[in-house]
Amino acid sequence: KEDKLPSVRELSSHLAINPNTISRAYRDLEMQGY
């Protein structure tokens, strides 16, 4: 708890995928309360 996750830009760069995909995952996890 309280650990900081990588930014959308950092994670999309690391995984070499579209930032919108990371944003969607983060949005869904936020809606679920994680």
Full PDB file with SEQRES, HELIX, SHEET, SSBOND, CRYST1, ORIGX, SCALE, CONECT and MASTER records, all heavy atoms in Angstrom:
SEQRES   1 A   34  LYS GLU ASP LYS LEU PRO SER VAL ARG GLU LEU SER SER          
SEQRES   2 A   34  HIS LEU ALA ILE ASN PRO ASN THR ILE SER ARG ALA TYR          
SEQRES   3 A   34  ARG ASP LEU GLU MET GLN GLY TYR                              
HELIX    1 AA1 VAL A    8  LEU A   15  1                                   8    
HELIX    2 AA2 PRO A   19  GLN A   32  1                                  14    
CRYST1    1.000    1.000    1.000  90.00  90.00  90.00 P 1           1          
ORIGX1      1.000000  0.000000  0.000000        0.00000                         
ORIGX2      0.000000  1.000000  0.000000        0.00000                         
ORIGX3      0.000000  0.000000  1.000000        0.00000                         
SCALE1      1.000000  0.000000  0.000000        0.00000                         
SCALE2      0.000000  1.000000  0.000000        0.00000                         
SCALE3      0.000000  0.000000  1.000000        0.00000                         
ATOM      1  N   LYS A   1       0.847  -1.192   0.000  1.00  0.00           N  
ATOM      2  CA  LYS A   1       0.000   0.000   0.000  1.00  0.00           C  
ATOM      3  C   LYS A   1       0.883   1.243   0.000  1.00  0.00           C  
ATOM      4  O   LYS A   1       1.968   1.250   0.597  1.00  0.00           O  
ATOM      5  CB  LYS A   1      -0.953   0.004   1.193  1.00  0.00           C  
ATOM      6  CG  LYS A   1      -0.291   0.045   2.540  1.00  0.00           C  
ATOM      7  CD  LYS A   1      -1.327  -0.021   3.635  1.00  0.00           C  
ATOM      8  CE  LYS A   1      -0.617  -0.066   4.989  1.00  0.00           C  
ATOM      9  NZ  LYS A   1      -1.540  -0.150   6.076  1.00  0.00           N  
ATOM     10  N   GLU A   2       0.434   2.220  -0.745  1.00  0.00           N  
ATOM     11  CA  GLU A   2       1.115   3.506  -0.920  1.00  0.00           C  
ATOM     12  C   GLU A   2       2.346   3.443  -1.824  1.00  0.00           C  
ATOM     13  O   GLU A   2       2.989   4.460  -2.038  1.00  0.00           O  
ATOM     14  CB  GLU A   2       1.487   4.150   0.431  1.00  0.00           C  
ATOM     15  CG  GLU A   2       0.322   4.346   1.370  1.00  0.00           C  
ATOM     16  CD  GLU A   2      -0.821   5.179   0.788  1.00  0.00           C  
ATOM     17  OE1 GLU A   2      -0.564   6.135   0.044  1.00  0.00           O  
ATOM     18  OE2 GLU A   2      -1.983   4.855   1.081  1.00  0.00           O  
ATOM     19  N   ASP A   3       2.698   2.272  -2.379  1.00  0.00           N  
ATOM     20  CA  ASP A   3       3.784   2.206  -3.351  1.00  0.00           C  
ATOM     21  C   ASP A   3       3.365   2.952  -4.616  1.00  0.00           C  
ATOM     22  O   ASP A   3       2.211   2.864  -5.054  1.00  0.00           O  
ATOM     23  CB  ASP A   3       4.122   0.761  -3.733  1.00  0.00           C  
ATOM     24  CG  ASP A   3       4.997   0.051  -2.714  1.00  0.00           C  
ATOM     25  OD1 ASP A   3       5.465   0.710  -1.765  1.00  0.00           O  
ATOM     26  OD2 ASP A   3       5.200  -1.168  -2.877  1.00  0.00           O  
ATOM     27  N   LYS A   4       4.301   3.658  -5.199  1.00  0.00           N  
ATOM     28  CA  LYS A   4       4.033   4.397  -6.424  1.00  0.00           C  
ATOM     29  C   LYS A   4       4.232   3.490  -7.628  1.00  0.00           C  
ATOM     30  O   LYS A   4       5.231   2.778  -7.710  1.00  0.00           O  
ATOM     31  CB  LYS A   4       4.940   5.616  -6.524  1.00  0.00           C  
ATOM     32  CG  LYS A   4       4.621   6.494  -7.697  1.00  0.00           C  
ATOM     33  CD  LYS A   4       5.466   7.753  -7.717  1.00  0.00           C  
ATOM     34  CE  LYS A   4       5.017   8.579  -8.910  1.00  0.00           C  
ATOM     35  NZ  LYS A   4       5.883   9.689  -9.184  1.00  0.00           N  
ATOM     36  N   LEU A   5       3.268   3.530  -8.534  1.00  0.00           N  
ATOM     37  CA  LEU A   5       3.368   2.773  -9.779  1.00  0.00           C  
ATOM     38  C   LEU A   5       4.103   3.614 -10.826  1.00  0.00           C  
ATOM     39  O   LEU A   5       4.120   4.847 -10.730  1.00  0.00           O  
ATOM     40  CB  LEU A   5       1.975   2.420 -10.301  1.00  0.00           C  
ATOM     41  CG  LEU A   5       1.141   1.496  -9.424  1.00  0.00           C  
ATOM     42  CD1 LEU A   5      -0.243   1.321 -10.016  1.00  0.00           C  
ATOM     43  CD2 LEU A   5       1.802   0.159  -9.261  1.00  0.00           C  
ATOM     44  N   PRO A   6       4.676   2.971 -11.830  1.00  0.00           N  
ATOM     45  CA  PRO A   6       5.310   3.738 -12.899  1.00  0.00           C  
ATOM     46  C   PRO A   6       4.269   4.615 -13.603  1.00  0.00           C  
ATOM     47  O   PRO A   6       3.086   4.251 -13.661  1.00  0.00           O  
ATOM     48  CB  PRO A   6       5.843   2.679 -13.858  1.00  0.00           C  
ATOM     49  CG  PRO A   6       5.693   1.375 -13.180  1.00  0.00           C  
ATOM     50  CD  PRO A   6       4.749   1.535 -12.048  1.00  0.00           C  
ATOM     51  N   SER A   7       4.694   5.732 -14.133  1.00  0.00           N  
ATOM     52  CA  SER A   7       3.767   6.581 -14.880  1.00  0.00           C  
ATOM     53  C   SER A   7       3.310   5.836 -16.130  1.00  0.00           C  
ATOM     54  O   SER A   7       3.942   4.862 -16.563  1.00  0.00           O  
ATOM     55  CB  SER A   7       4.440   7.898 -15.268  1.00  0.00           C  
ATOM     56  OG  SER A   7       5.403   7.664 -16.270  1.00  0.00           O  
ATOM     57  N   VAL A   8       2.227   6.312 -16.709  1.00  0.00           N  
ATOM     58  CA  VAL A   8       1.724   5.712 -17.950  1.00  0.00           C  
ATOM     59  C   VAL A   8       2.816   5.746 -19.010  1.00  0.00           C  
ATOM     60  O   VAL A   8       3.070   4.754 -19.696  1.00  0.00           O  
ATOM     61  CB  VAL A   8       0.456   6.456 -18.435  1.00  0.00           C  
ATOM     62  CG1 VAL A   8       0.087   6.030 -19.843  1.00  0.00           C  
ATOM     63  CG2 VAL A   8      -0.698   6.215 -17.475  1.00  0.00           C  
ATOM     64  N   ARG A   9       3.483   6.863 -19.120  1.00  0.00           N  
ATOM     65  CA  ARG A   9       4.543   7.015 -20.124  1.00  0.00           C  
ATOM     66  C   ARG A   9       5.694   6.045 -19.862  1.00  0.00           C  
ATOM     67  O   ARG A   9       6.199   5.396 -20.778  1.00  0.00           O  
ATOM     68  CB  ARG A   9       5.052   8.452 -20.125  1.00  0.00           C  
ATOM     69  CG  ARG A   9       6.024   8.718 -21.246  1.00  0.00           C  
ATOM     70  CD  ARG A   9       6.429  10.167 -21.297  1.00  0.00           C  
ATOM     71  NE  ARG A   9       5.243  10.967 -21.604  1.00  0.00           N  
ATOM     72  CZ  ARG A   9       5.152  12.260 -21.382  1.00  0.00           C  
ATOM     73  NH1 ARG A   9       6.156  12.912 -20.848  1.00  0.00           N  
ATOM     74  NH2 ARG A   9       4.059  12.917 -21.698  1.00  0.00           N  
ATOM     75  N   GLU A  10       6.119   5.945 -18.604  1.00  0.00           N  
ATOM     76  CA  GLU A  10       7.224   5.032 -18.262  1.00  0.00           C  
ATOM     77  C   GLU A  10       6.874   3.588 -18.586  1.00  0.00           C  
ATOM     78  O   GLU A  10       7.669   2.861 -19.185  1.00  0.00           O  
ATOM     79  CB  GLU A  10       7.565   5.132 -16.774  1.00  0.00           C  
ATOM     80  CG  GLU A  10       8.216   6.403 -16.340  1.00  0.00           C  
ATOM     81  CD  GLU A  10       8.301   6.522 -14.825  1.00  0.00           C  
ATOM     82  OE1 GLU A  10       7.524   5.873 -14.092  1.00  0.00           O  
ATOM     83  OE2 GLU A  10       9.161   7.295 -14.372  1.00  0.00           O  
ATOM     84  N   LEU A  11       5.679   3.168 -18.162  1.00  0.00           N  
ATOM     85  CA  LEU A  11       5.286   1.775 -18.371  1.00  0.00           C  
ATOM     86  C   LEU A  11       5.060   1.469 -19.848  1.00  0.00           C  
ATOM     87  O   LEU A  11       5.455   0.403 -20.329  1.00  0.00           O  
ATOM     88  CB  LEU A  11       4.038   1.437 -17.549  1.00  0.00           C  
ATOM     89  CG  LEU A  11       3.683  -0.033 -17.437  1.00  0.00           C  
ATOM     90  CD1 LEU A  11       4.849  -0.869 -16.921  1.00  0.00           C  
ATOM     91  CD2 LEU A  11       2.465  -0.217 -16.530  1.00  0.00           C  
ATOM     92  N   SER A  12       4.462   2.402 -20.577  1.00  0.00           N  
ATOM     93  CA  SER A  12       4.250   2.155 -22.007  1.00  0.00           C  
ATOM     94  C   SER A  12       5.586   2.071 -22.740  1.00  0.00           C  
ATOM     95  O   SER A  12       5.750   1.268 -23.652  1.00  0.00           O  
ATOM     96  CB  SER A  12       3.352   3.217 -22.630  1.00  0.00           C  
ATOM     97  OG  SER A  12       4.022   4.435 -22.772  1.00  0.00           O  
ATOM     98  N   SER A  13       6.543   2.881 -22.325  1.00  0.00           N  
ATOM     99  CA  SER A  13       7.881   2.831 -22.933  1.00  0.00           C  
ATOM    100  C   SER A  13       8.577   1.516 -22.593  1.00  0.00           C  
ATOM    101  O   SER A  13       9.164   0.867 -23.458  1.00  0.00           O  
ATOM    102  CB  SER A  13       8.715   4.007 -22.431  1.00  0.00           C  
ATOM    103  OG  SER A  13      10.026   3.918 -22.899  1.00  0.00           O  
ATOM    104  N   HIS A  14       8.484   1.112 -21.325  1.00  0.00           N  
ATOM    105  CA  HIS A  14       9.113  -0.138 -20.878  1.00  0.00           C  
ATOM    106  C   HIS A  14       8.529  -1.358 -21.592  1.00  0.00           C  
ATOM    107  O   HIS A  14       9.258  -2.269 -21.980  1.00  0.00           O  
ATOM    108  CB  HIS A  14       8.948  -0.271 -19.362  1.00  0.00           C  
ATOM    109  CG  HIS A  14       9.446  -1.570 -18.808  1.00  0.00           C  
ATOM    110  ND1 HIS A  14      10.792  -1.869 -18.694  1.00  0.00           N  
ATOM    111  CD2 HIS A  14       8.778  -2.664 -18.357  1.00  0.00           C  
ATOM    112  CE1 HIS A  14      10.924  -3.077 -18.188  1.00  0.00           C  
ATOM    113  NE2 HIS A  14       9.712  -3.585 -17.980  1.00  0.00           N  
ATOM    114  N   LEU A  15       7.195  -1.379 -21.748  1.00  0.00           N  
ATOM    115  CA  LEU A  15       6.533  -2.527 -22.364  1.00  0.00           C  
ATOM    116  C   LEU A  15       6.416  -2.390 -23.883  1.00  0.00           C  
ATOM    117  O   LEU A  15       5.997  -3.335 -24.553  1.00  0.00           O  
ATOM    118  CB  LEU A  15       5.137  -2.724 -21.767  1.00  0.00           C  
ATOM    119  CG  LEU A  15       5.080  -3.066 -20.281  1.00  0.00           C  
ATOM    120  CD1 LEU A  15       3.624  -3.098 -19.795  1.00  0.00           C  
ATOM    121  CD2 LEU A  15       5.755  -4.390 -19.997  1.00  0.00           C  
ATOM    122  N   ALA A  16       6.747  -1.213 -24.398  1.00  0.00           N  
ATOM    123  CA  ALA A  16       6.654  -0.927 -25.835  1.00  0.00           C  
ATOM    124  C   ALA A  16       5.237  -1.131 -26.357  1.00  0.00           C  
ATOM    125  O   ALA A  16       5.011  -1.808 -27.370  1.00  0.00           O  
ATOM    126  CB  ALA A  16       7.660  -1.759 -26.625  1.00  0.00           C  
ATOM    127  N   ILE A  17       4.269  -0.578 -25.618  1.00  0.00           N  
ATOM    128  CA  ILE A  17       2.877  -0.626 -26.067  1.00  0.00           C  
ATOM    129  C   ILE A  17       2.263   0.763 -25.944  1.00  0.00           C  
ATOM    130  O   ILE A  17       2.813   1.650 -25.292  1.00  0.00           O  
ATOM    131  CB  ILE A  17       2.034  -1.676 -25.296  1.00  0.00           C  
ATOM    132  CG1 ILE A  17       2.016  -1.380 -23.811  1.00  0.00           C  
ATOM    133  CG2 ILE A  17       2.511  -3.063 -25.561  1.00  0.00           C  
ATOM    134  CD1 ILE A  17       1.103  -2.312 -23.034  1.00  0.00           C  
ATOM    135  N   ASN A  18       1.124   0.946 -26.544  1.00  0.00           N  
ATOM    136  CA  ASN A  18       0.449   2.232 -26.603  1.00  0.00           C  
ATOM    137  C   ASN A  18       0.106   2.745 -25.197  1.00  0.00           C  
ATOM    138  O   ASN A  18      -0.432   1.992 -24.383  1.00  0.00           O  
ATOM    139  CB  ASN A  18      -0.829   2.058 -27.431  1.00  0.00           C  
ATOM    140  CG  ASN A  18      -1.496   3.350 -27.768  1.00  0.00           C  
ATOM    141  OD1 ASN A  18      -1.681   4.207 -26.912  1.00  0.00           O  
ATOM    142  ND2 ASN A  18      -1.863   3.487 -29.036  1.00  0.00           N  
ATOM    143  N   PRO A  19       0.378   4.028 -24.919  1.00  0.00           N  
ATOM    144  CA  PRO A  19       0.040   4.600 -23.611  1.00  0.00           C  
ATOM    145  C   PRO A  19      -1.455   4.514 -23.279  1.00  0.00           C  
ATOM    146  O   PRO A  19      -1.832   4.415 -22.109  1.00  0.00           O  
ATOM    147  CB  PRO A  19       0.482   6.066 -23.723  1.00  0.00           C  
ATOM    148  CG  PRO A  19       1.452   6.105 -24.828  1.00  0.00           C  
ATOM    149  CD  PRO A  19       1.101   4.982 -25.760  1.00  0.00           C  
ATOM    150  N   ASN A  20      -2.309   4.532 -24.303  1.00  0.00           N  
ATOM    151  CA  ASN A  20      -3.754   4.413 -24.054  1.00  0.00           C  
ATOM    152  C   ASN A  20      -4.107   3.071 -23.423  1.00  0.00           C  
ATOM    153  O   ASN A  20      -5.045   2.971 -22.634  1.00  0.00           O  
ATOM    154  CB  ASN A  20      -4.546   4.602 -25.346  1.00  0.00           C  
ATOM    155  CG  ASN A  20      -4.460   6.012 -25.862  1.00  0.00           C  
ATOM    156  OD1 ASN A  20      -4.316   6.965 -25.093  1.00  0.00           O  
ATOM    157  ND2 ASN A  20      -4.520   6.167 -27.184  1.00  0.00           N  
ATOM    158  N   THR A  21      -3.356   2.044 -23.764  1.00  0.00           N  
ATOM    159  CA  THR A  21      -3.576   0.718 -23.188  1.00  0.00           C  
ATOM    160  C   THR A  21      -3.249   0.729 -21.702  1.00  0.00           C  
ATOM    161  O   THR A  21      -4.003   0.182 -20.887  1.00  0.00           O  
ATOM    162  CB  THR A  21      -2.703  -0.330 -23.916  1.00  0.00           C  
ATOM    163  OG1 THR A  21      -3.014  -0.293 -25.310  1.00  0.00           O  
ATOM    164  CG2 THR A  21      -2.930  -1.728 -23.378  1.00  0.00           C  
ATOM    165  N   ILE A  22      -2.155   1.373 -21.337  1.00  0.00           N  
ATOM    166  CA  ILE A  22      -1.775   1.496 -19.921  1.00  0.00           C  
ATOM    167  C   ILE A  22      -2.806   2.335 -19.188  1.00  0.00           C  
ATOM    168  O   ILE A  22      -3.239   1.979 -18.089  1.00  0.00           O  
ATOM    169  CB  ILE A  22      -0.371   2.134 -19.777  1.00  0.00           C  
ATOM    170  CG1 ILE A  22       0.687   1.386 -20.595  1.00  0.00           C  
ATOM    171  CG2 ILE A  22       0.020   2.245 -18.304  1.00  0.00           C  
ATOM    172  CD1 ILE A  22       0.909  -0.038 -20.212  1.00  0.00           C  
ATOM    173  N   SER A  23      -3.226   3.429 -19.794  1.00  0.00           N  
ATOM    174  CA  SER A  23      -4.233   4.300 -19.175  1.00  0.00           C  
ATOM    175  C   SER A  23      -5.519   3.541 -18.889  1.00  0.00           C  
ATOM    176  O   SER A  23      -6.116   3.706 -17.823  1.00  0.00           O  
ATOM    177  CB  SER A  23      -4.545   5.499 -20.077  1.00  0.00           C  
ATOM    178  OG  SER A  23      -3.456   6.353 -20.167  1.00  0.00           O  
ATOM    179  N   ARG A  24      -5.925   2.715 -19.841  1.00  0.00           N  
ATOM    180  CA  ARG A  24      -7.154   1.939 -19.641  1.00  0.00           C  
ATOM    181  C   ARG A  24      -6.998   0.958 -18.478  1.00  0.00           C  
ATOM    182  O   ARG A  24      -7.893   0.811 -17.645  1.00  0.00           O  
ATOM    183  CB  ARG A  24      -7.526   1.200 -20.916  1.00  0.00           C  
ATOM    184  CG  ARG A  24      -8.805   0.425 -20.767  1.00  0.00           C  
ATOM    185  CD  ARG A  24      -9.301  -0.128 -22.059  1.00  0.00           C  
ATOM    186  NE  ARG A  24     -10.538  -0.860 -21.834  1.00  0.00           N  
ATOM    187  CZ  ARG A  24     -11.143  -1.573 -22.755  1.00  0.00           C  
ATOM    188  NH1 ARG A  24     -10.656  -1.614 -23.982  1.00  0.00           N  
ATOM    189  NH2 ARG A  24     -12.238  -2.227 -22.477  1.00  0.00           N  
ATOM    190  N   ALA A  25      -5.851   0.288 -18.423  1.00  0.00           N  
ATOM    191  CA  ALA A  25      -5.607  -0.658 -17.330  1.00  0.00           C  
ATOM    192  C   ALA A  25      -5.617   0.075 -15.989  1.00  0.00           C  
ATOM    193  O   ALA A  25      -6.249  -0.379 -15.030  1.00  0.00           O  
ATOM    194  CB  ALA A  25      -4.273  -1.380 -17.535  1.00  0.00           C  
ATOM    195  N   TYR A  26      -4.934   1.204 -15.914  1.00  0.00           N  
ATOM    196  CA  TYR A  26      -4.908   1.988 -14.680  1.00  0.00           C  
ATOM    197  C   TYR A  26      -6.315   2.467 -14.304  1.00  0.00           C  
ATOM    198  O   TYR A  26      -6.705   2.421 -13.147  1.00  0.00           O  
ATOM    199  CB  TYR A  26      -3.962   3.183 -14.827  1.00  0.00           C  
ATOM    200  CG  TYR A  26      -2.497   2.893 -14.574  1.00  0.00           C  
ATOM    201  CD1 TYR A  26      -1.985   1.597 -14.575  1.00  0.00           C  
ATOM    202  CD2 TYR A  26      -1.601   3.928 -14.351  1.00  0.00           C  
ATOM    203  CE1 TYR A  26      -0.639   1.344 -14.354  1.00  0.00           C  
ATOM    204  CE2 TYR A  26      -0.250   3.687 -14.128  1.00  0.00           C  
ATOM    205  CZ  TYR A  26       0.220   2.405 -14.124  1.00  0.00           C  
ATOM    206  OH  TYR A  26       1.552   2.155 -13.890  1.00  0.00           O  
ATOM    207  N   ARG A  27      -7.071   2.930 -15.296  1.00  0.00           N  
ATOM    208  CA  ARG A  27      -8.437   3.406 -15.037  1.00  0.00           C  
ATOM    209  C   ARG A  27      -9.309   2.273 -14.471  1.00  0.00           C  
ATOM    210  O   ARG A  27     -10.038   2.459 -13.498  1.00  0.00           O  
ATOM    211  CB  ARG A  27      -9.037   3.978 -16.322  1.00  0.00           C  
ATOM    212  CG  ARG A  27     -10.400   4.603 -16.139  1.00  0.00           C  
ATOM    213  CD  ARG A  27     -10.937   5.256 -17.418  1.00  0.00           C  
ATOM    214  NE  ARG A  27     -10.928   4.357 -18.566  1.00  0.00           N  
ATOM    215  CZ  ARG A  27     -10.141   4.490 -19.624  1.00  0.00           C  
ATOM    216  NH1 ARG A  27      -9.284   5.478 -19.694  1.00  0.00           N  
ATOM    217  NH2 ARG A  27     -10.206   3.631 -20.627  1.00  0.00           N  
ATOM    218  N   ASP A  28      -9.202   1.094 -15.077  1.00  0.00           N  
ATOM    219  CA  ASP A  28      -9.995  -0.046 -14.603  1.00  0.00           C  
ATOM    220  C   ASP A  28      -9.586  -0.447 -13.186  1.00  0.00           C  
ATOM    221  O   ASP A  28     -10.444  -0.721 -12.338  1.00  0.00           O  
ATOM    222  CB  ASP A  28      -9.843  -1.247 -15.545  1.00  0.00           C  
ATOM    223  CG  ASP A  28     -10.537  -1.028 -16.896  1.00  0.00           C  
ATOM    224  OD1 ASP A  28     -11.294  -0.045 -17.029  1.00  0.00           O  
ATOM    225  OD2 ASP A  28     -10.296  -1.843 -17.809  1.00  0.00           O  
ATOM    226  N   LEU A  29      -8.293  -0.479 -12.915  1.00  0.00           N  
ATOM    227  CA  LEU A  29      -7.815  -0.830 -11.572  1.00  0.00           C  
ATOM    228  C   LEU A  29      -8.240   0.217 -10.547  1.00  0.00           C  
ATOM    229  O   LEU A  29      -8.539  -0.115  -9.399  1.00  0.00           O  
ATOM    230  CB  LEU A  29      -6.295  -0.991 -11.568  1.00  0.00           C  
ATOM    231  CG  LEU A  29      -5.760  -2.255 -12.232  1.00  0.00           C  
ATOM    232  CD1 LEU A  29      -4.257  -2.156 -12.438  1.00  0.00           C  
ATOM    233  CD2 LEU A  29      -6.105  -3.487 -11.407  1.00  0.00           C  
ATOM    234  N   GLU A  30      -8.281   1.467 -10.970  1.00  0.00           N  
ATOM    235  CA  GLU A  30      -8.733   2.524 -10.065  1.00  0.00           C  
ATOM    236  C   GLU A  30     -10.221   2.367  -9.764  1.00  0.00           C  
ATOM    237  O   GLU A  30     -10.638   2.496  -8.606  1.00  0.00           O  
ATOM    238  CB  GLU A  30      -8.464   3.896 -10.687  1.00  0.00           C  
ATOM    239  CG  GLU A  30      -8.770   5.044  -9.757  1.00  0.00           C  
ATOM    240  CD  GLU A  30      -8.392   6.388 -10.326  1.00  0.00           C  
ATOM    241  OE1 GLU A  30      -8.181   6.513 -11.554  1.00  0.00           O  
ATOM    242  OE2 GLU A  30      -8.305   7.336  -9.525  1.00  0.00           O  
ATOM    243  N   MET A  31     -11.012   2.028 -10.770  1.00  0.00           N  
ATOM    244  CA  MET A  31     -12.450   1.811 -10.560  1.00  0.00           C  
ATOM    245  C   MET A  31     -12.688   0.611  -9.640  1.00  0.00           C  
ATOM    246  O   MET A  31     -13.660   0.598  -8.882  1.00  0.00           O  
ATOM    247  CB  MET A  31     -13.160   1.609 -11.897  1.00  0.00           C  
ATOM    248  CG  MET A  31     -13.277   2.895 -12.681  1.00  0.00           C  
ATOM    249  SD  MET A  31     -14.021   2.781 -14.337  1.00  0.00           S  
ATOM    250  CE  MET A  31     -14.856   1.248 -14.405  1.00  0.00           C  
ATOM    251  N   GLN A  32     -11.804  -0.381  -9.691  1.00  0.00           N  
ATOM    252  CA  GLN A  32     -11.930  -1.566  -8.841  1.00  0.00           C  
ATOM    253  C   GLN A  32     -11.405  -1.309  -7.437  1.00  0.00           C  
ATOM    254  O   GLN A  32     -11.586  -2.128  -6.547  1.00  0.00           O  
ATOM    255  CB  GLN A  32     -11.179  -2.743  -9.468  1.00  0.00           C  
ATOM    256  CG  GLN A  32     -11.741  -3.196 -10.792  1.00  0.00           C  
ATOM    257  CD  GLN A  32     -10.801  -4.121 -11.539  1.00  0.00           C  
ATOM    258  OE1 GLN A  32      -9.874  -4.695 -10.980  1.00  0.00           O  
ATOM    259  NE2 GLN A  32     -11.028  -4.265 -12.840  1.00  0.00           N  
ATOM    260  N   GLY A  33     -10.686  -0.195  -7.237  1.00  0.00           N  
ATOM    261  CA  GLY A  33     -10.194   0.169  -5.921  1.00  0.00           C  
ATOM    262  C   GLY A  33      -8.797  -0.321  -5.585  1.00  0.00           C  
ATOM    263  O   GLY A  33      -8.346  -0.160  -4.457  1.00  0.00           O  
ATOM    264  N   TYR A  34      -8.086  -0.872  -6.539  1.00  0.00           N  
ATOM    265  CA  TYR A  34      -6.733  -1.376  -6.277  1.00  0.00           C  
ATOM    266  C   TYR A  34      -5.693  -0.262  -6.253  1.00  0.00           C  
ATOM    267  O   TYR A  34      -4.682  -0.371  -5.572  1.00  0.00           O  
ATOM    268  CB  TYR A  34      -6.325  -2.425  -7.325  1.00  0.00           C  
ATOM    269  CG  TYR A  34      -7.016  -3.751  -7.136  1.00  0.00           C  
ATOM    270  CD1 TYR A  34      -8.203  -4.040  -7.785  1.00  0.00           C  
ATOM    271  CD2 TYR A  34      -6.483  -4.718  -6.284  1.00  0.00           C  
ATOM    272  CE1 TYR A  34      -8.842  -5.253  -7.606  1.00  0.00           C  
ATOM    273  CE2 TYR A  34      -7.108  -5.936  -6.099  1.00  0.00           C  
ATOM    274  CZ  TYR A  34      -8.292  -6.194  -6.764  1.00  0.00           C  
ATOM    275  OH  TYR A  34      -8.921  -7.383  -6.577  1.00  0.00           O  
TER     276      TYR A  34                                                      
MASTER        0    0    0    2    0    0    0    6  275    1    0    3          
END                                                                             
